Amino acid sequence: MALNDGRRLREVVWVFGVLGLTAFGGPAAHVALQEQECVGRRRWLDRQRFLDILAATNLIPGPNSTEMAMHVGWLRAGWSGLIGGGVAFILPSAVLVGALAWAYVRWGYLPAATAMLAAGR
C-alpha cells in the first residue's frame, strides 16, 4: 500500500461518512450529492465516468447509492476504499434505525409515544 493510499482512504471514509450522516431523500438524492461531492468538488472522477458507473449500478440489485459509494471508494483507494466507503455510508443510518427501534421497544407502549407515532399517519 502506497503512502498516499492511507490519505485517500481517510478521504473516502470521511466523504461517505458525512454523506451517510447528512444525506436524506433516498438513493436518487444520495447519488446527486455524491456526484456533487466526488465529481464537482473533489474531482475524483469526471462526470462521464460517474454516469457510466451509475448505469452499471442500475443493472444490479440493491440501492445504487450504496453501490456508488463502494465503487467510487474502490476507484479512489482500492479494496480498502470499497469497504471503507461502504461501511462509512451505511453505518450512520444503521445506527439511527437501531436506536429508533430500541426506543420504540423501550417506550413505544407509553401513551405519549403512541400519540406521537399515530400523528405520523
PDB file of N, CA and C in Angstrom:
ATOM      1  N   MET A   1       0.846  -1.179   0.000  1.00  0.00           N
ATOM      2  CA  MET A   1       0.000   0.000   0.000  1.00  0.00           C
ATOM      3  C   MET A   1       0.884   1.232   0.000  1.00  0.00           C
ATOM      4  N   ALA A   2       0.674   2.084  -0.941  1.00  0.00           N
ATOM      5  CA  ALA A   2       1.475   3.294  -1.057  1.00  0.00           C
ATOM      6  C   ALA A   2       1.118   4.263   0.064  1.00  0.00           C
ATOM      7  N   LEU A   3       2.043   5.142   0.358  1.00  0.00           N
ATOM      8  CA  LEU A   3       1.843   6.134   1.413  1.00  0.00           C
ATOM      9  C   LEU A   3       0.606   6.982   1.143  1.00  0.00           C
ATOM     10  N   ASN A   4       0.369   7.334  -0.096  1.00  0.00           N
ATOM     11  CA  ASN A   4      -0.758   8.163  -0.482  1.00  0.00           C
ATOM     12  C   ASN A   4      -2.093   7.441  -0.306  1.00  0.00           C
ATOM     13  N   ASP A   5      -2.088   6.109  -0.316  1.00  0.00           N
ATOM     14  CA  ASP A   5      -3.327   5.342  -0.198  1.00  0.00           C
ATOM     15  C   ASP A   5      -4.011   5.551   1.149  1.00  0.00           C
ATOM     16  N   GLY A   6      -3.230   5.728   2.210  1.00  0.00           N
ATOM     17  CA  GLY A   6      -3.817   5.976   3.527  1.00  0.00           C
ATOM     18  C   GLY A   6      -4.589   7.278   3.559  1.00  0.00           C
ATOM     19  N   ARG A   7      -4.037   8.299   2.933  1.00  0.00           N
ATOM     20  CA  ARG A   7      -4.717   9.592   2.867  1.00  0.00           C
ATOM     21  C   ARG A   7      -5.986   9.472   2.028  1.00  0.00           C
ATOM     22  N   ARG A   8      -5.885   8.751   0.924  1.00  0.00           N
ATOM     23  CA  ARG A   8      -7.059   8.564   0.060  1.00  0.00           C
ATOM     24  C   ARG A   8      -8.154   7.794   0.784  1.00  0.00           C
ATOM     25  N   LEU A   9      -7.778   6.771   1.538  1.00  0.00           N
ATOM     26  CA  LEU A   9      -8.766   6.003   2.292  1.00  0.00           C
ATOM     27  C   LEU A   9      -9.452   6.891   3.326  1.00  0.00           C
ATOM     28  N   ARG A  10      -8.689   7.700   4.031  1.00  0.00           N
ATOM     29  CA  ARG A  10      -9.293   8.610   5.011  1.00  0.00           C
ATOM     30  C   ARG A  10     -10.265   9.576   4.338  1.00  0.00           C
ATOM     31  N   GLU A  11      -9.901  10.073   3.159  1.00  0.00           N
ATOM     32  CA  GLU A  11     -10.805  10.967   2.410  1.00  0.00           C
ATOM     33  C   GLU A  11     -12.100  10.251   2.038  1.00  0.00           C
ATOM     34  N   VAL A  12     -11.973   9.030   1.547  1.00  0.00           N
ATOM     35  CA  VAL A  12     -13.159   8.256   1.151  1.00  0.00           C
ATOM     36  C   VAL A  12     -14.072   8.030   2.350  1.00  0.00           C
ATOM     37  N   VAL A  13     -13.497   7.600   3.457  1.00  0.00           N
ATOM     38  CA  VAL A  13     -14.289   7.335   4.656  1.00  0.00           C
ATOM     39  C   VAL A  13     -14.937   8.624   5.148  1.00  0.00           C
ATOM     40  N   TRP A  14     -14.208   9.722   5.131  1.00  0.00           N
ATOM     41  CA  TRP A  14     -14.759  11.000   5.579  1.00  0.00           C
ATOM     42  C   TRP A  14     -15.922  11.435   4.691  1.00  0.00           C
ATOM     43  N   VAL A  15     -15.696  11.463   3.380  1.00  0.00           N
ATOM     44  CA  VAL A  15     -16.731  11.946   2.451  1.00  0.00           C
ATOM     45  C   VAL A  15     -17.993  11.097   2.552  1.00  0.00           C
ATOM     46  N   PHE A  16     -17.861   9.775   2.499  1.00  0.00           N
ATOM     47  CA  PHE A  16     -19.058   8.939   2.522  1.00  0.00           C
ATOM     48  C   PHE A  16     -19.647   8.832   3.921  1.00  0.00           C
ATOM     49  N   GLY A  17     -18.851   9.024   4.940  1.00  0.00           N
ATOM     50  CA  GLY A  17     -19.391   9.094   6.297  1.00  0.00           C
ATOM     51  C   GLY A  17     -20.264  10.321   6.492  1.00  0.00           C
ATOM     52  N   VAL A  18     -19.779  11.464   6.018  1.00  0.00           N
ATOM     53  CA  VAL A  18     -20.567  12.698   6.106  1.00  0.00           C
ATOM     54  C   VAL A  18     -21.845  12.570   5.283  1.00  0.00           C
ATOM     55  N   LEU A  19     -21.737  12.036   4.071  1.00  0.00           N
ATOM     56  CA  LEU A  19     -22.932  11.854   3.245  1.00  0.00           C
ATOM     57  C   LEU A  19     -23.905  10.874   3.900  1.00  0.00           C
ATOM     58  N   GLY A  20     -23.392   9.800   4.477  1.00  0.00           N
ATOM     59  CA  GLY A  20     -24.256   8.833   5.148  1.00  0.00           C
ATOM     60  C   GLY A  20     -24.952   9.422   6.360  1.00  0.00           C
ATOM     61  N   LEU A  21     -24.318  10.394   6.988  1.00  0.00           N
ATOM     62  CA  LEU A  21     -24.868  11.025   8.184  1.00  0.00           C
ATOM     63  C   LEU A  21     -25.866  12.130   7.848  1.00  0.00           C
ATOM     64  N   THR A  22     -25.660  12.819   6.745  1.00  0.00           N
ATOM     65  CA  THR A  22     -26.451  14.013   6.466  1.00  0.00           C
ATOM     66  C   THR A  22     -27.382  13.898   5.269  1.00  0.00           C
ATOM     67  N   ALA A  23     -27.213  12.903   4.421  1.00  0.00           N
ATOM     68  CA  ALA A  23     -27.999  12.816   3.190  1.00  0.00           C
ATOM     69  C   ALA A  23     -29.329  12.125   3.446  1.00  0.00           C
ATOM     70  N   PHE A  24     -30.410  12.810   3.131  1.00  0.00           N
ATOM     71  CA  PHE A  24     -31.748  12.251   3.262  1.00  0.00           C
ATOM     72  C   PHE A  24     -32.438  12.352   1.913  1.00  0.00           C
ATOM     73  N   GLY A  25     -33.387  11.471   1.664  1.00  0.00           N
ATOM     74  CA  GLY A  25     -34.171  11.564   0.444  1.00  0.00           C
ATOM     75  C   GLY A  25     -34.075  10.344  -0.441  1.00  0.00           C
ATOM     76  N   GLY A  26     -33.374   9.321  -0.014  1.00  0.00           N
ATOM     77  CA  GLY A  26     -33.302   8.103  -0.803  1.00  0.00           C
ATOM     78  C   GLY A  26     -32.168   8.108  -1.805  1.00  0.00           C
ATOM     79  N   PRO A  27     -32.034   7.001  -2.538  1.00  0.00           N
ATOM     80  CA  PRO A  27     -30.901   6.831  -3.452  1.00  0.00           C
ATOM     81  C   PRO A  27     -30.742   7.925  -4.501  1.00  0.00           C
ATOM     82  N   ALA A  28     -31.833   8.434  -5.055  1.00  0.00           N
ATOM     83  CA  ALA A  28     -31.698   9.477  -6.083  1.00  0.00           C
ATOM     84  C   ALA A  28     -31.042  10.726  -5.508  1.00  0.00           C
ATOM     85  N   ALA A  29     -31.462  11.133  -4.324  1.00  0.00           N
ATOM     86  CA  ALA A  29     -30.856  12.300  -3.670  1.00  0.00           C
ATOM     87  C   ALA A  29     -29.411  12.009  -3.283  1.00  0.00           C
ATOM     88  N   HIS A  30     -29.155  10.804  -2.784  1.00  0.00           N
ATOM     89  CA  HIS A  30     -27.787  10.433  -2.394  1.00  0.00           C
ATOM     90  C   HIS A  30     -26.840  10.493  -3.586  1.00  0.00           C
ATOM     91  N   VAL A  31     -27.277   9.934  -4.714  1.00  0.00           N
ATOM     92  CA  VAL A  31     -26.431   9.907  -5.912  1.00  0.00           C
ATOM     93  C   VAL A  31     -26.126  11.336  -6.381  1.00  0.00           C
ATOM     94  N   ALA A  32     -27.123  12.211  -6.318  1.00  0.00           N
ATOM     95  CA  ALA A  32     -26.901  13.602  -6.713  1.00  0.00           C
ATOM     96  C   ALA A  32     -25.863  14.261  -5.802  1.00  0.00           C
ATOM     97  N   LEU A  33     -25.944  13.998  -4.508  1.00  0.00           N
ATOM     98  CA  LEU A  33     -24.963  14.558  -3.574  1.00  0.00           C
ATOM     99  C   LEU A  33     -23.583  13.945  -3.785  1.00  0.00           C
ATOM    100  N   GLN A  34     -23.543  12.656  -4.097  1.00  0.00           N
ATOM    101  CA  GLN A  34     -22.267  12.010  -4.386  1.00  0.00           C
ATOM    102  C   GLN A  34     -21.623  12.614  -5.629  1.00  0.00           C
ATOM    103  N   GLU A  35     -22.437  12.866  -6.651  1.00  0.00           N
ATOM    104  CA  GLU A  35     -21.893  13.481  -7.857  1.00  0.00           C
ATOM    105  C   GLU A  35     -21.353  14.875  -7.554  1.00  0.00           C
ATOM    106  N   GLN A  36     -22.111  15.640  -6.800  1.00  0.00           N
ATOM    107  CA  GLN A  36     -21.672  16.989  -6.441  1.00  0.00           C
ATOM    108  C   GLN A  36     -20.333  16.943  -5.693  1.00  0.00           C
ATOM    109  N   GLU A  37     -20.221  16.025  -4.753  1.00  0.00           N
ATOM    110  CA  GLU A  37     -19.016  15.938  -3.926  1.00  0.00           C
ATOM    111  C   GLU A  37     -17.831  15.316  -4.661  1.00  0.00           C
ATOM    112  N   CYS A  38     -18.050  14.185  -5.314  1.00  0.00           N
ATOM    113  CA  CYS A  38     -16.940  13.417  -5.896  1.00  0.00           C
ATOM    114  C   CYS A  38     -16.523  13.900  -7.279  1.00  0.00           C
ATOM    115  N   VAL A  39     -17.462  14.439  -8.043  1.00  0.00           N
ATOM    116  CA  VAL A  39     -17.153  14.925  -9.391  1.00  0.00           C
ATOM    117  C   VAL A  39     -16.915  16.429  -9.363  1.00  0.00           C
ATOM    118  N   GLY A  40     -17.888  17.169  -8.827  1.00  0.00           N
ATOM    119  CA  GLY A  40     -17.805  18.622  -8.848  1.00  0.00           C
ATOM    120  C   GLY A  40     -16.778  19.205  -7.912  1.00  0.00           C
ATOM    121  N   ARG A  41     -16.839  18.817  -6.655  1.00  0.00           N
ATOM    122  CA  ARG A  41     -15.984  19.441  -5.643  1.00  0.00           C
ATOM    123  C   ARG A  41     -14.590  18.842  -5.584  1.00  0.00           C
ATOM    124  N   ARG A  42     -14.498  17.528  -5.487  1.00  0.00           N
ATOM    125  CA  ARG A  42     -13.200  16.875  -5.273  1.00  0.00           C
ATOM    126  C   ARG A  42     -12.518  16.414  -6.554  1.00  0.00           C
ATOM    127  N   ARG A  43     -13.277  16.308  -7.633  1.00  0.00           N
ATOM    128  CA  ARG A  43     -12.751  15.894  -8.945  1.00  0.00           C
ATOM    129  C   ARG A  43     -12.013  14.549  -8.889  1.00  0.00           C
ATOM    130  N   TRP A  44     -12.614  13.601  -8.158  1.00  0.00           N
ATOM    131  CA  TRP A  44     -12.045  12.255  -8.087  1.00  0.00           C
ATOM    132  C   TRP A  44     -12.218  11.535  -9.419  1.00  0.00           C
ATOM    133  N   LEU A  45     -13.268  11.878 -10.159  1.00  0.00           N
ATOM    134  CA  LEU A  45     -13.519  11.301 -11.477  1.00  0.00           C
ATOM    135  C   LEU A  45     -14.348  12.291 -12.273  1.00  0.00           C
ATOM    136  N   ASP A  46     -14.377  12.109 -13.581  1.00  0.00           N
ATOM    137  CA  ASP A  46     -15.155  13.040 -14.396  1.00  0.00           C
ATOM    138  C   ASP A  46     -16.619  12.588 -14.455  1.00  0.00           C
ATOM    139  N   ARG A  47     -17.460  13.485 -14.942  1.00  0.00           N
ATOM    140  CA  ARG A  47     -18.907  13.235 -14.947  1.00  0.00           C
ATOM    141  C   ARG A  47     -19.267  12.008 -15.791  1.00  0.00           C
ATOM    142  N   GLN A  48     -18.623  11.841 -16.923  1.00  0.00           N
ATOM    143  CA  GLN A  48     -18.945  10.702 -17.788  1.00  0.00           C
ATOM    144  C   GLN A  48     -18.631   9.383 -17.087  1.00  0.00           C
ATOM    145  N   ARG A  49     -17.510   9.304 -16.406  1.00  0.00           N
ATOM    146  CA  ARG A  49     -17.161   8.073 -15.666  1.00  0.00           C
ATOM    147  C   ARG A  49     -18.173   7.817 -14.563  1.00  0.00           C
ATOM    148  N   PHE A  50     -18.566   8.879 -13.862  1.00  0.00           N
ATOM    149  CA  PHE A  50     -19.568   8.753 -12.805  1.00  0.00           C
ATOM    150  C   PHE A  50     -20.875   8.207 -13.374  1.00  0.00           C
ATOM    151  N   LEU A  51     -21.310   8.757 -14.509  1.00  0.00           N
ATOM    152  CA  LEU A  51     -22.559   8.296 -15.133  1.00  0.00           C
ATOM    153  C   LEU A  51     -22.448   6.863 -15.631  1.00  0.00           C
ATOM    154  N   ASP A  52     -21.266   6.477 -16.113  1.00  0.00           N
ATOM    155  CA  ASP A  52     -21.065   5.081 -16.534  1.00  0.00           C
ATOM    156  C   ASP A  52     -21.202   4.134 -15.344  1.00  0.00           C
ATOM    157  N   ILE A  53     -20.635   4.518 -14.219  1.00  0.00           N
ATOM    158  CA  ILE A  53     -20.736   3.693 -13.008  1.00  0.00           C
ATOM    159  C   ILE A  53     -22.189   3.641 -12.535  1.00  0.00           C
ATOM    160  N   LEU A  54     -22.872   4.779 -12.597  1.00  0.00           N
ATOM    161  CA  LEU A  54     -24.280   4.815 -12.203  1.00  0.00           C
ATOM    162  C   LEU A  54     -25.117   3.889 -13.082  1.00  0.00           C
ATOM    163  N   ALA A  55     -24.853   3.888 -14.376  1.00  0.00           N
ATOM    164  CA  ALA A  55     -25.575   2.994 -15.284  1.00  0.00           C
ATOM    165  C   ALA A  55     -25.330   1.536 -14.902  1.00  0.00           C
ATOM    166  N   ALA A  56     -24.112   1.208 -14.553  1.00  0.00           N
ATOM    167  CA  ALA A  56     -23.796  -0.172 -14.149  1.00  0.00           C
ATOM    168  C   ALA A  56     -24.505  -0.541 -12.853  1.00  0.00           C
ATOM    169  N   THR A  57     -24.563   0.395 -11.895  1.00  0.00           N
ATOM    170  CA  THR A  57     -25.220   0.069 -10.625  1.00  0.00           C
ATOM    171  C   THR A  57     -26.721  -0.109 -10.799  1.00  0.00           C
ATOM    172  N   ASN A  58     -27.291   0.495 -11.824  1.00  0.00           N
ATOM    173  CA  ASN A  58     -28.722   0.312 -12.072  1.00  0.00           C
ATOM    174  C   ASN A  58     -29.040  -1.079 -12.602  1.00  0.00           C
ATOM    175  N   LEU A  59     -28.042  -1.804 -13.035  1.00  0.00           N
ATOM    176  CA  LEU A  59     -28.254  -3.147 -13.568  1.00  0.00           C
ATOM    177  C   LEU A  59     -28.188  -4.240 -12.509  1.00  0.00           C
ATOM    178  N   ILE A  60     -27.679  -3.914 -11.342  1.00  0.00           N
ATOM    179  CA  ILE A  60     -27.544  -4.926 -10.293  1.00  0.00           C
ATOM    180  C   ILE A  60     -28.507  -4.602  -9.149  1.00  0.00           C
ATOM    181  N   PRO A  61     -28.951  -5.619  -8.421  1.00  0.00           N
ATOM    182  CA  PRO A  61     -29.911  -5.374  -7.342  1.00  0.00           C
ATOM    183  C   PRO A  61     -29.276  -4.632  -6.170  1.00  0.00           C
ATOM    184  N   GLY A  62     -30.112  -3.911  -5.458  1.00  0.00           N
ATOM    185  CA  GLY A  62     -29.656  -3.181  -4.282  1.00  0.00           C
ATOM    186  C   GLY A  62     -29.720  -1.681  -4.503  1.00  0.00           C
ATOM    187  N   PRO A  63     -29.535  -0.934  -3.424  1.00  0.00           N
ATOM    188  CA  PRO A  63     -29.594   0.524  -3.526  1.00  0.00           C
ATOM    189  C   PRO A  63     -28.368   1.069  -4.261  1.00  0.00           C
ATOM    190  N   ASN A  64     -28.614   1.769  -5.359  1.00  0.00           N
ATOM    191  CA  ASN A  64     -27.483   2.212  -6.178  1.00  0.00           C
ATOM    192  C   ASN A  64     -26.627   3.266  -5.489  1.00  0.00           C
ATOM    193  N   SER A  65     -27.160   4.005  -4.529  1.00  0.00           N
ATOM    194  CA  SER A  65     -26.319   4.984  -3.834  1.00  0.00           C
ATOM    195  C   SER A  65     -25.248   4.279  -2.999  1.00  0.00           C
ATOM    196  N   THR A  66     -25.599   3.176  -2.373  1.00  0.00           N
ATOM    197  CA  THR A  66     -24.610   2.410  -1.619  1.00  0.00           C
ATOM    198  C   THR A  66     -23.590   1.785  -2.561  1.00  0.00           C
ATOM    199  N   GLU A  67     -24.069   1.259  -3.669  1.00  0.00           N
ATOM    200  CA  GLU A  67     -23.159   0.668  -4.662  1.00  0.00           C
ATOM    201  C   GLU A  67     -22.224   1.730  -5.236  1.00  0.00           C
ATOM    202  N   MET A  68     -22.739   2.942  -5.443  1.00  0.00           N
ATOM    203  CA  MET A  68     -21.897   4.036  -5.939  1.00  0.00           C
ATOM    204  C   MET A  68     -20.822   4.396  -4.918  1.00  0.00           C
ATOM    205  N   ALA A  69     -21.191   4.469  -3.649  1.00  0.00           N
ATOM    206  CA  ALA A  69     -20.211   4.783  -2.606  1.00  0.00           C
ATOM    207  C   ALA A  69     -19.092   3.747  -2.606  1.00  0.00           C
ATOM    208  N   MET A  70     -19.458   2.496  -2.742  1.00  0.00           N
ATOM    209  CA  MET A  70     -18.461   1.428  -2.734  1.00  0.00           C
ATOM    210  C   MET A  70     -17.594   1.469  -3.991  1.00  0.00           C
ATOM    211  N   HIS A  71     -18.205   1.701  -5.138  1.00  0.00           N
ATOM    212  CA  HIS A  71     -17.436   1.709  -6.390  1.00  0.00           C
ATOM    213  C   HIS A  71     -16.496   2.914  -6.455  1.00  0.00           C
ATOM    214  N   VAL A  72     -16.998   4.082  -6.101  1.00  0.00           N
ATOM    215  CA  VAL A  72     -16.137   5.272  -6.106  1.00  0.00           C
ATOM    216  C   VAL A  72     -15.034   5.110  -5.063  1.00  0.00           C
ATOM    217  N   GLY A  73     -15.366   4.528  -3.916  1.00  0.00           N
ATOM    218  CA  GLY A  73     -14.337   4.250  -2.906  1.00  0.00           C
ATOM    219  C   GLY A  73     -13.264   3.325  -3.452  1.00  0.00           C
ATOM    220  N   TRP A  74     -13.672   2.323  -4.210  1.00  0.00           N
ATOM    221  CA  TRP A  74     -12.710   1.390  -4.817  1.00  0.00           C
ATOM    222  C   TRP A  74     -11.824   2.102  -5.831  1.00  0.00           C
ATOM    223  N   LEU A  75     -12.418   2.955  -6.660  1.00  0.00           N
ATOM    224  CA  LEU A  75     -11.624   3.694  -7.639  1.00  0.00           C
ATOM    225  C   LEU A  75     -10.614   4.613  -6.959  1.00  0.00           C
ATOM    226  N   ARG A  76     -11.007   5.195  -5.853  1.00  0.00           N
ATOM    227  CA  ARG A  76     -10.158   6.185  -5.178  1.00  0.00           C
ATOM    228  C   ARG A  76      -9.093   5.549  -4.297  1.00  0.00           C
ATOM    229  N   ALA A  77      -9.429   4.446  -3.610  1.00  0.00           N
ATOM    230  CA  ALA A  77      -8.498   3.899  -2.611  1.00  0.00           C
ATOM    231  C   ALA A  77      -8.417   2.377  -2.629  1.00  0.00           C
ATOM    232  N   GLY A  78      -8.791   1.733  -3.711  1.00  0.00           N
ATOM    233  CA  GLY A  78      -8.659   0.288  -3.818  1.00  0.00           C
ATOM    234  C   GLY A  78      -9.684  -0.460  -2.980  1.00  0.00           C
ATOM    235  N   TRP A  79      -9.350  -1.695  -2.657  1.00  0.00           N
ATOM    236  CA  TRP A  79     -10.280  -2.558  -1.916  1.00  0.00           C
ATOM    237  C   TRP A  79     -10.618  -1.993  -0.543  1.00  0.00           C
ATOM    238  N   SER A  80      -9.653  -1.376   0.113  1.00  0.00           N
ATOM    239  CA  SER A  80      -9.952  -0.772   1.417  1.00  0.00           C
ATOM    240  C   SER A  80     -10.909   0.404   1.254  1.00  0.00           C
ATOM    241  N   GLY A  81     -10.831   1.116   0.131  1.00  0.00           N
ATOM    242  CA  GLY A  81     -11.768   2.192  -0.149  1.00  0.00           C
ATOM    243  C   GLY A  81     -13.169   1.673  -0.406  1.00  0.00           C
ATOM    244  N   LEU A  82     -13.272   0.522  -1.078  1.00  0.00           N
ATOM    245  CA  LEU A  82     -14.570  -0.102  -1.307  1.00  0.00           C
ATOM    246  C   LEU A  82     -15.241  -0.426   0.031  1.00  0.00           C
ATOM    247  N   ILE A  83     -14.504  -1.063   0.910  1.00  0.00           N
ATOM    248  CA  ILE A  83     -15.055  -1.450   2.212  1.00  0.00           C
ATOM    249  C   ILE A  83     -15.284  -0.221   3.093  1.00  0.00           C
ATOM    250  N   GLY A  84     -14.284   0.649   3.154  1.00  0.00           N
ATOM    251  CA  GLY A  84     -14.403   1.848   3.984  1.00  0.00           C
ATOM    252  C   GLY A  84     -15.522   2.768   3.538  1.00  0.00           C
ATOM    253  N   GLY A  85     -15.631   2.996   2.223  1.00  0.00           N
ATOM    254  CA  GLY A  85     -16.700   3.844   1.709  1.00  0.00           C
ATOM    255  C   GLY A  85     -18.072   3.253   1.968  1.00  0.00           C
ATOM    256  N   GLY A  86     -18.193   1.942   1.768  1.00  0.00           N
ATOM    257  CA  GLY A  86     -19.477   1.282   2.010  1.00  0.00           C
ATOM    258  C   GLY A  86     -19.889   1.324   3.469  1.00  0.00           C
ATOM    259  N   VAL A  87     -18.965   0.980   4.355  1.00  0.00           N
ATOM    260  CA  VAL A  87     -19.277   0.989   5.792  1.00  0.00           C
ATOM    261  C   VAL A  87     -19.583   2.402   6.263  1.00  0.00           C
ATOM    262  N   ALA A  88     -18.776   3.375   5.832  1.00  0.00           N
ATOM    263  CA  ALA A  88     -18.988   4.762   6.257  1.00  0.00           C
ATOM    264  C   ALA A  88     -20.333   5.296   5.775  1.00  0.00           C
ATOM    265  N   PHE A  89     -20.775   4.858   4.605  1.00  0.00           N
ATOM    266  CA  PHE A  89     -22.045   5.330   4.063  1.00  0.00           C
ATOM    267  C   PHE A  89     -23.234   4.645   4.731  1.00  0.00           C
ATOM    268  N   ILE A  90     -23.105   3.377   5.059  1.00  0.00           N
ATOM    269  CA  ILE A  90     -24.215   2.592   5.606  1.00  0.00           C
ATOM    270  C   ILE A  90     -24.352   2.734   7.118  1.00  0.00           C
ATOM    271  N   LEU A  91     -23.241   2.796   7.825  1.00  0.00           N
ATOM    272  CA  LEU A  91     -23.257   2.734   9.291  1.00  0.00           C
ATOM    273  C   LEU A  91     -24.102   3.815   9.969  1.00  0.00           C
ATOM    274  N   PRO A  92     -24.026   5.085   9.560  1.00  0.00           N
ATOM    275  CA  PRO A  92     -24.849   6.086  10.260  1.00  0.00           C
ATOM    276  C   PRO A  92     -26.339   5.770  10.240  1.00  0.00           C
ATOM    277  N   SER A  93     -26.872   5.371   9.109  1.00  0.00           N
ATOM    278  CA  SER A  93     -28.302   5.076   9.053  1.00  0.00           C
ATOM    279  C   SER A  93     -28.627   3.788   9.816  1.00  0.00           C
ATOM    280  N   ALA A  94     -27.738   2.819   9.797  1.00  0.00           N
ATOM    281  CA  ALA A  94     -27.969   1.582  10.552  1.00  0.00           C
ATOM    282  C   ALA A  94     -28.021   1.866  12.052  1.00  0.00           C
ATOM    283  N   VAL A  95     -27.134   2.720  12.520  1.00  0.00           N
ATOM    284  CA  VAL A  95     -27.130   3.090  13.944  1.00  0.00           C
ATOM    285  C   VAL A  95     -28.406   3.854  14.296  1.00  0.00           C
ATOM    286  N   LEU A  96     -28.816   4.779  13.429  1.00  0.00           N
ATOM    287  CA  LEU A  96     -30.033   5.551  13.685  1.00  0.00           C
ATOM    288  C   LEU A  96     -31.265   4.651  13.735  1.00  0.00           C
ATOM    289  N   VAL A  97     -31.401   3.741  12.788  1.00  0.00           N
ATOM    290  CA  VAL A  97     -32.546   2.829  12.779  1.00  0.00           C
ATOM    291  C   VAL A  97     -32.509   1.925  14.012  1.00  0.00           C
ATOM    292  N   GLY A  98     -31.331   1.459  14.382  1.00  0.00           N
ATOM    293  CA  GLY A  98     -31.202   0.643  15.594  1.00  0.00           C
ATOM    294  C   GLY A  98     -31.625   1.405  16.841  1.00  0.00           C
ATOM    295  N   ALA A  99     -31.211   2.665  16.937  1.00  0.00           N
ATOM    296  CA  ALA A  99     -31.581   3.492  18.088  1.00  0.00           C
ATOM    297  C   ALA A  99     -33.087   3.738  18.132  1.00  0.00           C
ATOM    298  N   LEU A 100     -33.683   4.010  16.973  1.00  0.00           N
ATOM    299  CA  LEU A 100     -35.136   4.212  16.932  1.00  0.00           C
ATOM    300  C   LEU A 100     -35.894   2.939  17.281  1.00  0.00           C
ATOM    301  N   ALA A 101     -35.409   1.796  16.822  1.00  0.00           N
ATOM    302  CA  ALA A 101     -36.052   0.521  17.158  1.00  0.00           C
ATOM    303  C   ALA A 101     -35.946   0.251  18.656  1.00  0.00           C
ATOM    304  N   TRP A 102     -34.780   0.516  19.224  1.00  0.00           N
ATOM    305  CA  TRP A 102     -34.602   0.332  20.665  1.00  0.00           C
ATOM    306  C   TRP A 102     -35.564   1.241  21.425  1.00  0.00           C
ATOM    307  N   ALA A 103     -35.652   2.526  21.016  1.00  0.00           N
ATOM    308  CA  ALA A 103     -36.540   3.472  21.690  1.00  0.00           C
ATOM    309  C   ALA A 103     -38.000   3.030  21.573  1.00  0.00           C
ATOM    310  N   TYR A 104     -38.368   2.506  20.422  1.00  0.00           N
ATOM    311  CA  TYR A 104     -39.746   2.043  20.240  1.00  0.00           C
ATOM    312  C   TYR A 104     -40.050   0.863  21.166  1.00  0.00           C
ATOM    313  N   VAL A 105     -39.129  -0.088  21.241  1.00  0.00           N
ATOM    314  CA  VAL A 105     -39.342  -1.236  22.133  1.00  0.00           C
ATOM    315  C   VAL A 105     -39.379  -0.774  23.588  1.00  0.00           C
ATOM    316  N   ARG A 106     -38.537   0.172  23.925  1.00  0.00           N
ATOM    317  CA  ARG A 106     -38.430   0.649  25.312  1.00  0.00           C
ATOM    318  C   ARG A 106     -39.627   1.506  25.719  1.00  0.00           C
ATOM    319  N   TRP A 107     -40.055   2.444  24.866  1.00  0.00           N
ATOM    320  CA  TRP A 107     -41.079   3.417  25.243  1.00  0.00           C
ATOM    321  C   TRP A 107     -42.308   3.413  24.342  1.00  0.00           C
ATOM    322  N   GLY A 108     -42.397   2.519  23.398  1.00  0.00           N
ATOM    323  CA  GLY A 108     -43.492   2.522  22.433  1.00  0.00           C
ATOM    324  C   GLY A 108     -44.864   2.335  23.019  1.00  0.00           C
ATOM    325  N   TYR A 109     -44.965   1.748  24.205  1.00  0.00           N
ATOM    326  CA  TYR A 109     -46.263   1.490  24.800  1.00  0.00           C
ATOM    327  C   TYR A 109     -46.795   2.699  25.581  1.00  0.00           C
ATOM    328  N   LEU A 110     -45.968   3.701  25.832  1.00  0.00           N
ATOM    329  CA  LEU A 110     -46.413   4.873  26.590  1.00  0.00           C
ATOM    330  C   LEU A 110     -47.425   5.677  25.774  1.00  0.00           C
ATOM    331  N   PRO A 111     -48.452   6.221  26.421  1.00  0.00           N
ATOM    332  CA  PRO A 111     -49.481   6.978  25.686  1.00  0.00           C
ATOM    333  C   PRO A 111     -48.890   8.136  24.868  1.00  0.00           C
ATOM    334  N   ALA A 112     -47.914   8.840  25.393  1.00  0.00           N
ATOM    335  CA  ALA A 112     -47.316   9.964  24.652  1.00  0.00           C
ATOM    336  C   ALA A 112     -46.608   9.463  23.397  1.00  0.00           C
ATOM    337  N   ALA A 113     -45.922   8.344  23.526  1.00  0.00           N
ATOM    338  CA  ALA A 113     -45.224   7.777  22.366  1.00  0.00           C
ATOM    339  C   ALA A 113     -46.224   7.255  21.350  1.00  0.00           C
ATOM    340  N   THR A 114     -47.296   6.627  21.809  1.00  0.00           N
ATOM    341  CA  THR A 114     -48.335   6.121  20.910  1.00  0.00           C
ATOM    342  C   THR A 114     -48.980   7.282  20.148  1.00  0.00           C
ATOM    343  N   ALA A 115     -49.259   8.375  20.840  1.00  0.00           N
ATOM    344  CA  ALA A 115     -49.865   9.544  20.192  1.00  0.00           C
ATOM    345  C   ALA A 115     -48.898  10.152  19.169  1.00  0.00           C
ATOM    346  N   MET A 116     -47.625  10.214  19.508  1.00  0.00           N
ATOM    347  CA  MET A 116     -46.631  10.784  18.596  1.00  0.00           C
ATOM    348  C   MET A 116     -46.519   9.912  17.338  1.00  0.00           C
ATOM    349  N   LEU A 117     -46.478   8.594  17.512  1.00  0.00           N
ATOM    350  CA  LEU A 117     -46.371   7.689  16.379  1.00  0.00           C
ATOM    351  C   LEU A 117     -47.641   7.723  15.525  1.00  0.00           C
ATOM    352  N   ALA A 118     -48.797   7.882  16.151  1.00  0.00           N
ATOM    353  CA  ALA A 118     -50.056   7.932  15.412  1.00  0.00           C
ATOM    354  C   ALA A 118     -50.177   9.238  14.631  1.00  0.00           C
ATOM    355  N   ALA A 119     -49.533  10.296  15.083  1.00  0.00           N
ATOM    356  CA  ALA A 119     -49.609  11.592  14.399  1.00  0.00           C
ATOM    357  C   ALA A 119     -48.964  11.526  13.021  1.00  0.00           C
ATOM    358  N   GLY A 120     -48.056  10.602  12.816  1.00  0.00           N
ATOM    359  CA  GLY A 120     -47.384  10.476  11.533  1.00  0.00           C
ATOM    360  C   GLY A 120     -48.229   9.782  10.476  1.00  0.00           C
ATOM    361  N   ARG A 121     -49.372   9.231  10.861  1.00  0.00           N
ATOM    362  CA  ARG A 121     -50.212   8.514   9.887  1.00  0.00           C
ATOM    363  C   ARG A 121     -51.121   9.418   9.146  1.00  0.00           C
TER     364      ARG A 121
END
